[in-house]
């Protein structure tokens, strides 16, 4: 168990570092003229693509022991959106359309609500 946790932690450090460097690179390439956070968008889309490719590759090559390091660690640290995308797709692929739609909708709405509540709470505490 401790080795698995170490793999997740190592992969997470690598993924978070890659996320930071990707964001810096996109900002340098494109600039900040657009109001859309292109670095985050880029990482979320690329991470979701990589998660899909990785899950198929690991499954077909029988390398599931690499999941903690690569899927949970590296890609989870790179973007948690890739994990969200994988879970939503898994529900969809299993034929649970309503559950997939509910999961996507709840994730979006509740996450946006939670960030508003977090902002409001901390502003109230600090004022």
Protein backbone atom coordinates (compact mmCIF):
# COMPACT_ATOMS: atom_id res chain seq x y z
CA UNK A 1 0.00 0.00 0.00
CA UNK A 2 2.76 2.47 0.89
CA UNK A 3 4.47 1.81 -2.46
CA UNK A 4 1.22 2.60 -4.27
CA UNK A 5 0.84 5.85 -2.32
CA UNK A 6 4.43 6.73 -3.21
CA UNK A 7 3.70 6.08 -6.90
CA UNK A 8 0.64 8.35 -6.77
CA UNK A 9 2.61 11.06 -4.97
CA UNK A 10 5.52 10.88 -7.42
CA UNK A 11 3.19 10.89 -10.42
CA UNK A 12 1.19 13.76 -8.92
CA UNK A 13 4.34 15.86 -8.50
CA UNK A 14 5.32 15.18 -12.10
CA UNK A 15 1.80 15.93 -13.38
CA UNK A 16 1.44 19.15 -11.39
CA UNK A 17 4.82 20.33 -12.64
CA UNK A 18 3.80 19.56 -16.21
CA UNK A 19 0.53 21.44 -15.69
CA UNK A 20 2.40 24.51 -14.46
CA UNK A 21 4.91 24.39 -17.32
CA UNK A 22 2.13 23.91 -19.89
CA UNK A 23 0.27 26.92 -18.55
CA UNK A 24 3.42 29.05 -18.71
CA UNK A 25 4.16 27.86 -22.25
CA UNK A 26 0.63 28.61 -23.49
CA UNK A 27 0.73 32.06 -21.89
CA UNK A 28 4.04 32.79 -23.58
CA UNK A 29 2.83 31.49 -26.95
CA UNK A 30 -0.60 33.09 -27.02
CA UNK A 31 -0.41 35.86 -24.44
CA UNK A 32 -3.18 36.97 -22.15
CA UNK A 33 -5.32 38.96 -24.60
CA UNK A 34 -8.23 36.52 -24.43
CA UNK A 35 -10.37 36.35 -21.28
CA UNK A 36 -10.45 32.53 -21.53
CA UNK A 37 -7.82 30.71 -19.44
CA UNK A 38 -6.28 28.92 -22.42
CA UNK A 39 -3.61 27.19 -20.33
CA UNK A 40 -6.25 25.47 -18.20
CA UNK A 41 -8.37 24.66 -21.25
CA UNK A 42 -5.35 23.18 -23.04
CA UNK A 43 -4.37 21.05 -20.05
CA UNK A 44 -7.94 19.81 -19.50
CA UNK A 45 -8.42 18.80 -23.13
CA UNK A 46 -4.96 17.24 -23.51
CA UNK A 47 -5.26 15.47 -20.16
CA UNK A 48 -8.63 14.02 -21.11
CA UNK A 49 -7.25 12.78 -24.43
CA UNK A 50 -4.23 11.25 -22.71
CA UNK A 51 -6.43 9.60 -20.05
CA UNK A 52 -8.52 7.91 -22.73
CA UNK A 53 -5.47 6.73 -24.65
CA UNK A 54 -3.72 5.58 -21.47
CA UNK A 55 -6.67 3.57 -20.16
CA UNK A 56 -6.98 1.66 -23.44
CA UNK A 57 -3.21 1.13 -23.74
CA UNK A 58 -2.79 -0.05 -20.14
CA UNK A 59 -5.80 -2.34 -20.43
CA UNK A 60 -4.73 -3.96 -23.68
CA UNK A 61 -1.09 -4.34 -22.65
CA UNK A 62 -2.07 -5.70 -19.21
CA UNK A 63 -0.11 -2.96 -17.44
CA UNK A 64 -2.77 -2.05 -14.88
CA UNK A 65 -0.10 -1.93 -12.17
CA UNK A 66 0.94 1.40 -13.74
CA UNK A 67 -2.48 3.00 -13.05
CA UNK A 68 -1.49 4.56 -9.71
CA UNK A 69 1.62 6.20 -11.16
CA UNK A 70 0.32 7.24 -14.58
CA UNK A 71 -3.47 7.64 -14.42
CA UNK A 72 -4.05 8.70 -10.81
CA UNK A 73 -0.66 10.32 -10.31
CA UNK A 74 0.67 11.95 -13.48
CA UNK A 75 -2.64 12.63 -15.24
CA UNK A 76 -4.49 13.30 -11.98
CA UNK A 77 -1.83 15.86 -11.08
CA UNK A 78 -1.79 17.23 -14.61
CA UNK A 79 -5.56 17.72 -14.59
CA UNK A 80 -8.28 16.31 -12.37
CA UNK A 81 -10.60 17.08 -15.28
CA UNK A 82 -9.22 14.00 -17.03
CA UNK A 83 -10.42 11.82 -14.14
CA UNK A 84 -13.82 13.51 -14.27
CA UNK A 85 -13.97 12.93 -18.03
CA UNK A 86 -13.05 9.26 -17.60
CA UNK A 87 -15.73 8.67 -14.97
CA UNK A 88 -18.37 10.41 -17.10
CA UNK A 89 -17.36 8.40 -20.16
CA UNK A 90 -17.38 5.13 -18.20
CA UNK A 91 -20.97 5.81 -17.13
CA UNK A 92 -21.92 6.67 -20.72
CA UNK A 93 -20.16 3.60 -22.16
CA UNK A 94 -21.94 1.30 -19.69
CA UNK A 95 -25.27 2.65 -20.92
CA UNK A 96 -26.01 4.76 -17.85
CA UNK A 97 -26.93 7.86 -19.86
CA UNK A 98 -29.03 9.48 -17.14
CA UNK A 99 -26.35 8.86 -14.53
CA UNK A 100 -23.68 10.30 -16.83
CA UNK A 101 -25.74 13.42 -17.52
CA UNK A 102 -26.55 13.78 -13.83
CA UNK A 103 -22.89 13.37 -12.89
CA UNK A 104 -21.75 15.96 -15.44
CA UNK A 105 -24.50 18.41 -14.50
CA UNK A 106 -24.03 18.01 -10.76
CA UNK A 107 -20.25 18.28 -11.07
CA UNK A 108 -20.50 21.52 -13.00
CA UNK A 109 -23.26 23.16 -10.96
CA UNK A 110 -22.07 22.02 -7.53
CA UNK A 111 -18.44 22.88 -8.25
CA UNK A 112 -19.38 26.39 -9.38
CA UNK A 113 -21.64 26.76 -6.34
CA UNK A 114 -18.87 25.50 -4.05
CA UNK A 115 -16.37 28.03 -5.40
CA UNK A 116 -18.86 30.86 -4.87
CA UNK A 117 -19.50 29.63 -1.32
CA UNK A 118 -15.76 29.32 -0.69
CA UNK A 119 -15.16 32.88 -1.87
CA UNK A 120 -18.08 34.19 0.17
CA UNK A 121 -17.10 32.29 3.30
CA UNK A 122 -13.47 33.36 3.26
CA UNK A 123 -14.29 36.96 2.44
CA UNK A 124 -16.67 37.00 5.42
CA UNK A 125 -14.07 35.43 7.71
CA UNK A 126 -11.31 37.83 6.62
CA UNK A 127 -13.38 41.01 6.73
